């Protein structure tokens, strides 16, 4: 039986387009992508800008020393210092059509997804590599031939990576070896039709919450693909990304939007929200 959660509430309104939610040090962090900023949201829903850029921002995380790093979608990873954002890694040679989400391993390396095709020019989605960025900023290929690597999860023990392949309606798993090398690629779950995955997060029951923009819902999926729960977002809205947070990590924060990420339309509408709903299983691993 699928449990439907319809009792969500709004935490923040008026964002251009929210992406990359993370629960860190008792606060919710996310990128307001087309306002080119990273924001922090406290328990009362107050929003503070913690980093500002001239470019659209997306995935984010923290290095072992506590430094915030964030994806600039033109093909860079930036790091936040006392004087603002500066270059951590240049991925432009490896990602000709821009980068998107990112997950940072506790040991300091990061995995960065890319679009891999000219989506704005109307091209068909194509396979492209998932990128590995070392703690020193060196860039290499972590895994070839993914269909738009998007949201990612690192298991609590640090040894499994889950990747949402947005153009293939599936979640793919890898074993994380020493230094971030990936092996043992396998399909973790095939998702229902039209449930193209965007942002994802893991719970302590071993299931993954998946944002499905085209299906208009967030779904909880167990390994193998069975859907156990869903959160519909309503007509005219899209499910973009999610993370489990709160004092007991049983609050599922939901990033929803009235657009699918088009820059000018998102800035005009300012209709993206952070919503939330209470769930049974607490969060686990990263993000």
C-alpha atoms as a PDB file:
ATOM      1  CA  UNK A   1       0.000   0.000   0.000  1.00  0.00           C
ATOM      2  CA  UNK A   2       1.283   3.463  -0.886  1.00  0.00           C
ATOM      3  CA  UNK A   3       0.972   6.003   1.919  1.00  0.00           C
ATOM      4  CA  UNK A   4       0.129   9.486   0.624  1.00  0.00           C
ATOM      5  CA  UNK A   5       1.360  12.474   2.656  1.00  0.00           C
ATOM      6  CA  UNK A   6      -0.806  15.476   1.837  1.00  0.00           C
ATOM      7  CA  UNK A   7      -0.244  17.492   5.018  1.00  0.00           C
ATOM      8  CA  UNK A   8       2.765  19.485   3.871  1.00  0.00           C
ATOM      9  CA  UNK A   9       3.296  23.083   5.003  1.00  0.00           C
ATOM     10  CA  UNK A  10       5.221  25.995   3.525  1.00  0.00           C
ATOM     11  CA  UNK A  11       8.477  27.082   5.201  1.00  0.00           C
ATOM     12  CA  UNK A  12       9.823  29.639   2.680  1.00  0.00           C
ATOM     13  CA  UNK A  13       8.256  31.369  -0.331  1.00  0.00           C
ATOM     14  CA  UNK A  14       9.532  33.760  -2.991  1.00  0.00           C
ATOM     15  CA  UNK A  15      12.636  31.908  -4.185  1.00  0.00           C
ATOM     16  CA  UNK A  16      13.563  31.923  -7.863  1.00  0.00           C
ATOM     17  CA  UNK A  17      14.438  28.215  -8.042  1.00  0.00           C
ATOM     18  CA  UNK A  18      15.637  26.104  -5.110  1.00  0.00           C
ATOM     19  CA  UNK A  19      18.155  23.299  -5.570  1.00  0.00           C
ATOM     20  CA  UNK A  20      20.676  21.213  -3.618  1.00  0.00           C
ATOM     21  CA  UNK A  21      19.075  21.177  -0.130  1.00  0.00           C
ATOM     22  CA  UNK A  22      21.372  20.080   2.698  1.00  0.00           C
ATOM     23  CA  UNK A  23      20.850  19.757   6.461  1.00  0.00           C
ATOM     24  CA  UNK A  24      24.039  20.991   8.155  1.00  0.00           C
ATOM     25  CA  UNK A  25      24.781  22.083  11.727  1.00  0.00           C
ATOM     26  CA  UNK A  26      21.092  22.315  12.597  1.00  0.00           C
ATOM     27  CA  UNK A  27      20.174  24.473   9.611  1.00  0.00           C
ATOM     28  CA  UNK A  28      18.748  23.977   6.136  1.00  0.00           C
ATOM     29  CA  UNK A  29      21.024  25.155   3.319  1.00  0.00           C
ATOM     30  CA  UNK A  30      20.097  25.354  -0.353  1.00  0.00           C
ATOM     31  CA  UNK A  31      20.954  27.133  -3.575  1.00  0.00           C
ATOM     32  CA  UNK A  32      18.496  29.728  -4.849  1.00  0.00           C
ATOM     33  CA  UNK A  33      19.771  28.877  -8.305  1.00  0.00           C
ATOM     34  CA  UNK A  34      18.667  31.825 -10.414  1.00  0.00           C
ATOM     35  CA  UNK A  35      19.237  34.402  -7.719  1.00  0.00           C
ATOM     36  CA  UNK A  36      22.847  33.118  -7.844  1.00  0.00           C
ATOM     37  CA  UNK A  37      23.077  32.566  -4.098  1.00  0.00           C
ATOM     38  CA  UNK A  38      23.326  30.000  -1.309  1.00  0.00           C
ATOM     39  CA  UNK A  39      20.902  30.564   1.559  1.00  0.00           C
ATOM     40  CA  UNK A  40      20.533  29.256   5.089  1.00  0.00           C
ATOM     41  CA  UNK A  41      17.096  28.765   6.645  1.00  0.00           C
ATOM     42  CA  UNK A  42      16.567  28.574  10.402  1.00  0.00           C
ATOM     43  CA  UNK A  43      13.782  26.843  12.313  1.00  0.00           C
ATOM     44  CA  UNK A  44      11.537  29.897  12.089  1.00  0.00           C
ATOM     45  CA  UNK A  45      11.843  30.061   8.301  1.00  0.00           C
ATOM     46  CA  UNK A  46      14.141  33.109   8.271  1.00  0.00           C
ATOM     47  CA  UNK A  47      16.375  33.201   5.181  1.00  0.00           C
ATOM     48  CA  UNK A  48      19.988  34.417   5.225  1.00  0.00           C
ATOM     49  CA  UNK A  49      22.250  34.661   2.168  1.00  0.00           C
ATOM     50  CA  UNK A  50      25.605  33.046   2.951  1.00  0.00           C
ATOM     51  CA  UNK A  51      27.216  33.178  -0.514  1.00  0.00           C
ATOM     52  CA  UNK A  52      26.546  35.242  -3.644  1.00  0.00           C
ATOM     53  CA  UNK A  53      27.784  34.700  -7.200  1.00  0.00           C
ATOM     54  CA  UNK A  54      27.445  36.173 -10.682  1.00  0.00           C
ATOM     55  CA  UNK A  55      26.397  32.742 -11.974  1.00  0.00           C
ATOM     56  CA  UNK A  56      23.653  30.209 -11.334  1.00  0.00           C
ATOM     57  CA  UNK A  57      24.448  27.923  -8.394  1.00  0.00           C
ATOM     58  CA  UNK A  58      23.333  24.370  -7.638  1.00  0.00           C
ATOM     59  CA  UNK A  59      24.828  21.450  -5.648  1.00  0.00           C
ATOM     60  CA  UNK A  60      26.686  22.153  -2.417  1.00  0.00           C
ATOM     61  CA  UNK A  61      28.588  20.491   0.414  1.00  0.00           C
ATOM     62  CA  UNK A  62      31.398  20.908   2.920  1.00  0.00           C
ATOM     63  CA  UNK A  63      35.058  19.930   2.881  1.00  0.00           C
ATOM     64  CA  UNK A  64      36.508  18.184   5.965  1.00  0.00           C
ATOM     65  CA  UNK A  65      37.730  21.538   7.347  1.00  0.00           C
ATOM     66  CA  UNK A  66      34.189  22.950   7.206  1.00  0.00           C
ATOM     67  CA  UNK A  67      34.634  25.002   4.023  1.00  0.00           C
ATOM     68  CA  UNK A  68      31.450  25.353   1.978  1.00  0.00           C
ATOM     69  CA  UNK A  69      31.801  24.384  -1.689  1.00  0.00           C
ATOM     70  CA  UNK A  70      29.132  24.995  -4.316  1.00  0.00           C
ATOM     71  CA  UNK A  71      28.628  24.226  -8.003  1.00  0.00           C
ATOM     72  CA  UNK A  72      28.584  27.167 -10.414  1.00  0.00           C
ATOM     73  CA  UNK A  73      26.593  25.761 -13.286  1.00  0.00           C
ATOM     74  CA  UNK A  74      28.827  27.235 -15.988  1.00  0.00           C
ATOM     75  CA  UNK A  75      31.334  24.492 -15.143  1.00  0.00           C
ATOM     76  CA  UNK A  76      33.130  25.290 -11.885  1.00  0.00           C
ATOM     77  CA  UNK A  77      33.157  24.324  -8.232  1.00  0.00           C
ATOM     78  CA  UNK A  78      33.609  27.323  -5.927  1.00  0.00           C
ATOM     79  CA  UNK A  79      34.702  27.526  -2.308  1.00  0.00           C
ATOM     80  CA  UNK A  80      33.584  30.081   0.266  1.00  0.00           C
ATOM     81  CA  UNK A  81      36.283  32.027   2.094  1.00  0.00           C
ATOM     82  CA  UNK A  82      36.448  35.269   4.077  1.00  0.00           C
ATOM     83  CA  UNK A  83      36.400  37.291   0.843  1.00  0.00           C
ATOM     84  CA  UNK A  84      33.533  35.373  -0.760  1.00  0.00           C
ATOM     85  CA  UNK A  85      33.527  32.646  -3.402  1.00  0.00           C
ATOM     86  CA  UNK A  86      36.678  31.634  -5.275  1.00  0.00           C
ATOM     87  CA  UNK A  87      37.638  28.826  -7.650  1.00  0.00           C
ATOM     88  CA  UNK A  88      38.065  25.343  -6.183  1.00  0.00           C
ATOM     89  CA  UNK A  89      37.970  23.329  -9.438  1.00  0.00           C
ATOM     90  CA  UNK A  90      37.505  24.107 -13.134  1.00  0.00           C
ATOM     91  CA  UNK A  91      35.410  21.454 -14.885  1.00  0.00           C
ATOM     92  CA  UNK A  92      34.750  23.267 -18.158  1.00  0.00           C
ATOM     93  CA  UNK A  93      37.034  21.003 -20.223  1.00  0.00           C
ATOM     94  CA  UNK A  94      35.132  17.955 -18.941  1.00  0.00           C
ATOM     95  CA  UNK A  95      31.577  19.372 -19.057  1.00  0.00           C
ATOM     96  CA  UNK A  96      30.876  21.402 -22.165  1.00  0.00           C
ATOM     97  CA  UNK A  97      27.181  21.890 -21.369  1.00  0.00           C
ATOM     98  CA  UNK A  98      27.432  22.795 -17.702  1.00  0.00           C
ATOM     99  CA  UNK A  99      27.327  21.021 -14.346  1.00  0.00           C
ATOM    100  CA  UNK A 100      24.566  20.655 -11.788  1.00  0.00           C
ATOM    101  CA  UNK A 101      24.379  18.666  -8.549  1.00  0.00           C
ATOM    102  CA  UNK A 102      27.231  17.544  -6.289  1.00  0.00           C
ATOM    103  CA  UNK A 103      27.845  15.405  -3.220  1.00  0.00           C
ATOM    104  CA  UNK A 104      30.966  15.796  -1.059  1.00  0.00           C
ATOM    105  CA  UNK A 105      32.420  12.709   0.617  1.00  0.00           C
ATOM    106  CA  UNK A 106      33.488  13.055   4.289  1.00  0.00           C
ATOM    107  CA  UNK A 107      37.084  12.422   3.144  1.00  0.00           C
ATOM    108  CA  UNK A 108      37.038  15.531   0.937  1.00  0.00           C
ATOM    109  CA  UNK A 109      36.485  14.480  -2.655  1.00  0.00           C
ATOM    110  CA  UNK A 110      33.275  15.335  -4.501  1.00  0.00           C
ATOM    111  CA  UNK A 111      31.169  13.819  -7.243  1.00  0.00           C
ATOM    112  CA  UNK A 112      29.701  16.313  -9.714  1.00  0.00           C
ATOM    113  CA  UNK A 113      26.975  15.582 -12.263  1.00  0.00           C
ATOM    114  CA  UNK A 114      26.678  17.211 -15.663  1.00  0.00           C
ATOM    115  CA  UNK A 115      23.971  17.660 -18.287  1.00  0.00           C
ATOM    116  CA  UNK A 116      26.051  16.260 -21.141  1.00  0.00           C
ATOM    117  CA  UNK A 117      23.966  17.720 -23.976  1.00  0.00           C
ATOM    118  CA  UNK A 118      22.701  21.052 -25.277  1.00  0.00           C
ATOM    119  CA  UNK A 119      19.367  21.057 -23.443  1.00  0.00           C
ATOM    120  CA  UNK A 120      18.711  24.739 -24.195  1.00  0.00           C
ATOM    121  CA  UNK A 121      19.275  24.092 -27.893  1.00  0.00           C
ATOM    122  CA  UNK A 122      16.748  21.259 -27.953  1.00  0.00           C
ATOM    123  CA  UNK A 123      19.218  18.372 -28.247  1.00  0.00           C
ATOM    124  CA  UNK A 124      18.352  14.845 -27.131  1.00  0.00           C
ATOM    125  CA  UNK A 125      19.807  13.722 -23.745  1.00  0.00           C
ATOM    126  CA  UNK A 126      23.074  11.855 -24.151  1.00  0.00           C
ATOM    127  CA  UNK A 127      25.442   9.846 -21.999  1.00  0.00           C
ATOM    128  CA  UNK A 128      28.194  11.740 -20.185  1.00  0.00           C
ATOM    129  CA  UNK A 129      30.646  11.117 -17.337  1.00  0.00           C
ATOM    130  CA  UNK A 130      30.109  11.647 -13.642  1.00  0.00           C
ATOM    131  CA  UNK A 131      33.081  13.747 -12.512  1.00  0.00           C
ATOM    132  CA  UNK A 132      35.359  13.303  -9.501  1.00  0.00           C
ATOM    133  CA  UNK A 133      36.869  16.414  -7.907  1.00  0.00           C
ATOM    134  CA  UNK A 134      39.668  15.710  -5.437  1.00  0.00           C
ATOM    135  CA  UNK A 135      40.114  17.774  -2.282  1.00  0.00           C
ATOM    136  CA  UNK A 136      42.920  19.679  -4.038  1.00  0.00           C
ATOM    137  CA  UNK A 137      40.662  20.538  -7.015  1.00  0.00           C
ATOM    138  CA  UNK A 138      41.996  17.958  -9.489  1.00  0.00           C
ATOM    139  CA  UNK A 139      39.281  16.685 -11.860  1.00  0.00           C
ATOM    140  CA  UNK A 140      38.858  13.217 -13.388  1.00  0.00           C
ATOM    141  CA  UNK A 141      36.131  10.837 -14.560  1.00  0.00           C
ATOM    142  CA  UNK A 142      34.421   8.902 -11.764  1.00  0.00           C
ATOM    143  CA  UNK A 143      32.107   6.898 -14.041  1.00  0.00           C
ATOM    144  CA  UNK A 144      31.341   7.064 -17.784  1.00  0.00           C
ATOM    145  CA  UNK A 145      28.067   6.993 -19.665  1.00  0.00           C
ATOM    146  CA  UNK A 146      25.441   8.240 -17.219  1.00  0.00           C
ATOM    147  CA  UNK A 147      22.200   9.698 -18.524  1.00  0.00           C
ATOM    148  CA  UNK A 148      22.255  13.125 -16.842  1.00  0.00           C
ATOM    149  CA  UNK A 149      23.684  12.391 -13.387  1.00  0.00           C
ATOM    150  CA  UNK A 150      21.725  14.535 -10.955  1.00  0.00           C
ATOM    151  CA  UNK A 151      20.923  14.064  -7.244  1.00  0.00           C
ATOM    152  CA  UNK A 152      23.343  11.883  -5.270  1.00  0.00           C
ATOM    153  CA  UNK A 153      23.589  10.082  -1.926  1.00  0.00           C
ATOM    154  CA  UNK A 154      26.530   8.731   0.081  1.00  0.00           C
ATOM    155  CA  UNK A 155      25.638   5.926   2.493  1.00  0.00           C
ATOM    156  CA  UNK A 156      26.308   6.330   6.241  1.00  0.00           C
ATOM    157  CA  UNK A 157      29.424   4.117   6.038  1.00  0.00           C
ATOM    158  CA  UNK A 158      30.799   6.157   3.129  1.00  0.00           C
ATOM    159  CA  UNK A 159      31.099   3.128   0.847  1.00  0.00           C
ATOM    160  CA  UNK A 160      28.064   3.414  -1.457  1.00  0.00           C
ATOM    161  CA  UNK A 161      27.109   6.157  -3.920  1.00  0.00           C
ATOM    162  CA  UNK A 162      23.585   6.392  -5.329  1.00  0.00           C
ATOM    163  CA  UNK A 163      23.039   8.557  -8.410  1.00  0.00           C
ATOM    164  CA  UNK A 164      19.753   9.730  -9.921  1.00  0.00           C
ATOM    165  CA  UNK A 165      19.986   9.391 -13.700  1.00  0.00           C
ATOM    166  CA  UNK A 166      17.412  11.980 -14.660  1.00  0.00           C
ATOM    167  CA  UNK A 167      17.045  10.999 -18.304  1.00  0.00           C
ATOM    168  CA  UNK A 168      16.634   7.278 -17.597  1.00  0.00           C
ATOM    169  CA  UNK A 169      14.072   6.991 -14.761  1.00  0.00           C
ATOM    170  CA  UNK A 170      16.506   5.059 -12.592  1.00  0.00           C
ATOM    171  CA  UNK A 171      18.803   5.228  -9.593  1.00  0.00           C
ATOM    172  CA  UNK A 172      22.246   3.716 -10.094  1.00  0.00           C
ATOM    173  CA  UNK A 173      24.546   2.478  -7.325  1.00  0.00           C
ATOM    174  CA  UNK A 174      28.326   2.260  -7.110  1.00  0.00           C
ATOM    175  CA  UNK A 175      30.775   0.993  -4.514  1.00  0.00           C
ATOM    176  CA  UNK A 176      33.137   3.752  -3.356  1.00  0.00           C
ATOM    177  CA  UNK A 177      36.715   2.511  -3.150  1.00  0.00           C
ATOM    178  CA  UNK A 178      39.832   4.211  -1.779  1.00  0.00           C
ATOM    179  CA  UNK A 179      40.267   7.798  -2.941  1.00  0.00           C
ATOM    180  CA  UNK A 180      36.775   7.985  -4.393  1.00  0.00           C
ATOM    181  CA  UNK A 181      37.222   5.451  -7.205  1.00  0.00           C
ATOM    182  CA  UNK A 182      33.898   3.874  -8.177  1.00  0.00           C
ATOM    183  CA  UNK A 183      33.281   0.205  -8.957  1.00  0.00           C
ATOM    184  CA  UNK A 184      30.501  -2.423  -9.055  1.00  0.00           C
ATOM    185  CA  UNK A 185      28.015  -0.338 -11.013  1.00  0.00           C
ATOM    186  CA  UNK A 186      24.455  -1.651 -10.707  1.00  0.00           C
ATOM    187  CA  UNK A 187      20.854  -0.513 -11.074  1.00  0.00           C
ATOM    188  CA  UNK A 188      19.468   0.191  -7.585  1.00  0.00           C
ATOM    189  CA  UNK A 189      15.916   0.978  -8.722  1.00  0.00           C
ATOM    190  CA  UNK A 190      13.966   1.455 -11.912  1.00  0.00           C
ATOM    191  CA  UNK A 191      11.342   4.157 -11.354  1.00  0.00           C
ATOM    192  CA  UNK A 192       7.771   4.266 -12.716  1.00  0.00           C
ATOM    193  CA  UNK A 193       7.077   5.921 -16.059  1.00  0.00           C
ATOM    194  CA  UNK A 194       7.476   9.729 -16.048  1.00  0.00           C
ATOM    195  CA  UNK A 195       9.212   9.627 -12.637  1.00  0.00           C
ATOM    196  CA  UNK A 196      12.440  11.170 -13.934  1.00  0.00           C
ATOM    197  CA  UNK A 197      14.511  11.698 -10.755  1.00  0.00           C
ATOM    198  CA  UNK A 198      16.020  15.002  -9.667  1.00  0.00           C
ATOM    199  CA  UNK A 199      17.163  15.523  -6.057  1.00  0.00           C
ATOM    200  CA  UNK A 200      17.285  12.515  -3.702  1.00  0.00           C
ATOM    201  CA  UNK A 201      17.978  11.686  -0.054  1.00  0.00           C
ATOM    202  CA  UNK A 202      18.302   8.524   2.045  1.00  0.00           C
ATOM    203  CA  UNK A 203      16.441   7.453   5.175  1.00  0.00           C
ATOM    204  CA  UNK A 204      17.374   5.077   7.986  1.00  0.00           C
ATOM    205  CA  UNK A 205      14.994   2.458   6.597  1.00  0.00           C
ATOM    206  CA  UNK A 206      17.272   2.127   3.576  1.00  0.00           C
ATOM    207  CA  UNK A 207      14.816   3.826   1.220  1.00  0.00           C
ATOM    208  CA  UNK A 208      15.353   6.847  -1.011  1.00  0.00           C
ATOM    209  CA  UNK A 209      13.081   9.886  -1.255  1.00  0.00           C
ATOM    210  CA  UNK A 210      13.047  11.019  -4.883  1.00  0.00           C
ATOM    211  CA  UNK A 211      11.881  14.331  -6.351  1.00  0.00           C
ATOM    212  CA  UNK A 212      10.093  13.677  -9.644  1.00  0.00           C
ATOM    213  CA  UNK A 213       9.437  16.996 -11.441  1.00  0.00           C
ATOM    214  CA  UNK A 214       7.400  15.646 -14.347  1.00  0.00           C
ATOM    215  CA  UNK A 215       5.291  13.347 -12.155  1.00  0.00           C
ATOM    216  CA  UNK A 216       4.463  16.163  -9.747  1.00  0.00           C
ATOM    217  CA  UNK A 217       5.364  14.252  -6.610  1.00  0.00           C
ATOM    218  CA  UNK A 218       8.038  13.104  -4.215  1.00  0.00           C
ATOM    219  CA  UNK A 219       8.170   9.325  -3.794  1.00  0.00           C
ATOM    220  CA  UNK A 220       9.848   7.009  -1.288  1.00  0.00           C
ATOM    221  CA  UNK A 221      11.414   4.075  -3.132  1.00  0.00           C
ATOM    222  CA  UNK A 222      13.045   0.932  -1.765  1.00  0.00           C
ATOM    223  CA  UNK A 223      15.815  -0.970  -3.533  1.00  0.00           C
ATOM    224  CA  UNK A 224      14.283  -2.750  -6.508  1.00  0.00           C
ATOM    225  CA  UNK A 225      11.844   0.063  -7.299  1.00  0.00           C
ATOM    226  CA  UNK A 226       8.785  -0.400  -5.066  1.00  0.00           C
ATOM    227  CA  UNK A 227       7.155   2.917  -4.115  1.00  0.00           C
ATOM    228  CA  UNK A 228       6.002   2.960  -0.464  1.00  0.00           C
ATOM    229  CA  UNK A 229       5.033   6.634   0.065  1.00  0.00           C
ATOM    230  CA  UNK A 230       4.344   9.726  -1.981  1.00  0.00           C
ATOM    231  CA  UNK A 231       3.905  13.451  -1.457  1.00  0.00           C
ATOM    232  CA  UNK A 232       1.911  15.077  -4.280  1.00  0.00           C
ATOM    233  CA  UNK A 233       2.723  18.745  -4.891  1.00  0.00           C
ATOM    234  CA  UNK A 234      -0.465  19.826  -6.633  1.00  0.00           C
ATOM    235  CA  UNK A 235      -1.373  21.209 -10.029  1.00  0.00           C
ATOM    236  CA  UNK A 236       1.068  23.664 -11.568  1.00  0.00           C
ATOM    237  CA  UNK A 237       4.001  22.744  -9.331  1.00  0.00           C
ATOM    238  CA  UNK A 238       7.053  20.525  -9.721  1.00  0.00           C
ATOM    239  CA  UNK A 239       8.999  18.440  -7.206  1.00  0.00           C
ATOM    240  CA  UNK A 240      12.664  19.502  -7.524  1.00  0.00           C
ATOM    241  CA  UNK A 241      14.752  18.201  -4.604  1.00  0.00           C
ATOM    242  CA  UNK A 242      14.452  17.042  -0.988  1.00  0.00           C
ATOM    243  CA  UNK A 243      16.416  16.416   2.199  1.00  0.00           C
ATOM    244  CA  UNK A 244      15.637  15.010   5.651  1.00  0.00           C
ATOM    245  CA  UNK A 245      16.385  17.386   8.512  1.00  0.00           C
ATOM    246  CA  UNK A 246      15.090  18.825  11.749  1.00  0.00           C
ATOM    247  CA  UNK A 247      16.178  17.928  15.277  1.00  0.00           C
ATOM    248  CA  UNK A 248      15.368  14.234  14.710  1.00  0.00           C
ATOM    249  CA  UNK A 249      15.849  14.287  10.910  1.00  0.00           C
ATOM    250  CA  UNK A 250      12.212  13.245  10.445  1.00  0.00           C
ATOM    251  CA  UNK A 251      11.237  16.456   8.661  1.00  0.00           C
ATOM    252  CA  UNK A 252      11.290  15.991   4.901  1.00  0.00           C
ATOM    253  CA  UNK A 253      12.115  19.368   3.352  1.00  0.00           C
ATOM    254  CA  UNK A 254      10.654  19.661  -0.139  1.00  0.00           C
ATOM    255  CA  UNK A 255      11.849  22.104  -2.786  1.00  0.00           C
ATOM    256  CA  UNK A 256       9.016  22.833  -5.200  1.00  0.00           C
ATOM    257  CA  UNK A 257       8.688  25.261  -8.098  1.00  0.00           C
ATOM    258  CA  UNK A 258       6.234  26.549 -10.668  1.00  0.00           C
ATOM    259  CA  UNK A 259       8.902  26.368 -13.410  1.00  0.00           C
ATOM    260  CA  UNK A 260      11.286  23.645 -14.534  1.00  0.00           C
ATOM    261  CA  UNK A 261      14.328  25.822 -13.963  1.00  0.00           C
ATOM    262  CA  UNK A 262      14.221  28.253 -16.873  1.00  0.00           C
ATOM    263  CA  UNK A 263      16.283  31.209 -15.654  1.00  0.00           C
ATOM    264  CA  UNK A 264      14.252  34.238 -16.730  1.00  0.00           C
ATOM    265  CA  UNK A 265      10.885  32.613 -16.055  1.00  0.00           C
ATOM    266  CA  UNK A 266      12.037  31.531 -12.597  1.00  0.00           C
ATOM    267  CA  UNK A 267      13.259  35.021 -11.701  1.00  0.00           C
ATOM    268  CA  UNK A 268      10.025  36.601 -12.902  1.00  0.00           C
ATOM    269  CA  UNK A 269       7.787  34.162 -11.073  1.00  0.00           C
ATOM    270  CA  UNK A 270       9.669  34.001  -7.746  1.00  0.00           C
ATOM    271  CA  UNK A 271       7.320  31.093  -7.059  1.00  0.00           C
ATOM    272  CA  UNK A 272       9.737  28.473  -5.738  1.00  0.00           C
ATOM    273  CA  UNK A 273       9.163  27.280  -2.181  1.00  0.00           C
ATOM    274  CA  UNK A 274      10.594  25.240   0.628  1.00  0.00           C
ATOM    275  CA  UNK A 275       7.829  23.046   2.007  1.00  0.00           C
ATOM    276  CA  UNK A 276       7.983  20.249   4.562  1.00  0.00           C
ATOM    277  CA  UNK A 277       6.160  17.204   5.881  1.00  0.00           C
ATOM    278  CA  UNK A 278       6.776  14.883   8.839  1.00  0.00           C
ATOM    279  CA  UNK A 279       7.776  11.310   7.929  1.00  0.00           C
ATOM    280  CA  UNK A 280       8.376   8.081   9.833  1.00  0.00           C
ATOM    281  CA  UNK A 281      11.982   7.261   9.065  1.00  0.00           C
ATOM    282  CA  UNK A 282      14.809   9.710   9.909  1.00  0.00           C
ATOM    283  CA  UNK A 283      17.489  10.757   7.481  1.00  0.00           C
ATOM    284  CA  UNK A 284      20.711   8.809   7.026  1.00  0.00           C
ATOM    285  CA  UNK A 285      24.011   9.387   5.245  1.00  0.00           C
ATOM    286  CA  UNK A 286      24.531  12.412   2.995  1.00  0.00           C
ATOM    287  CA  UNK A 287      22.958  14.750   2.064  1.00  0.00           C
END
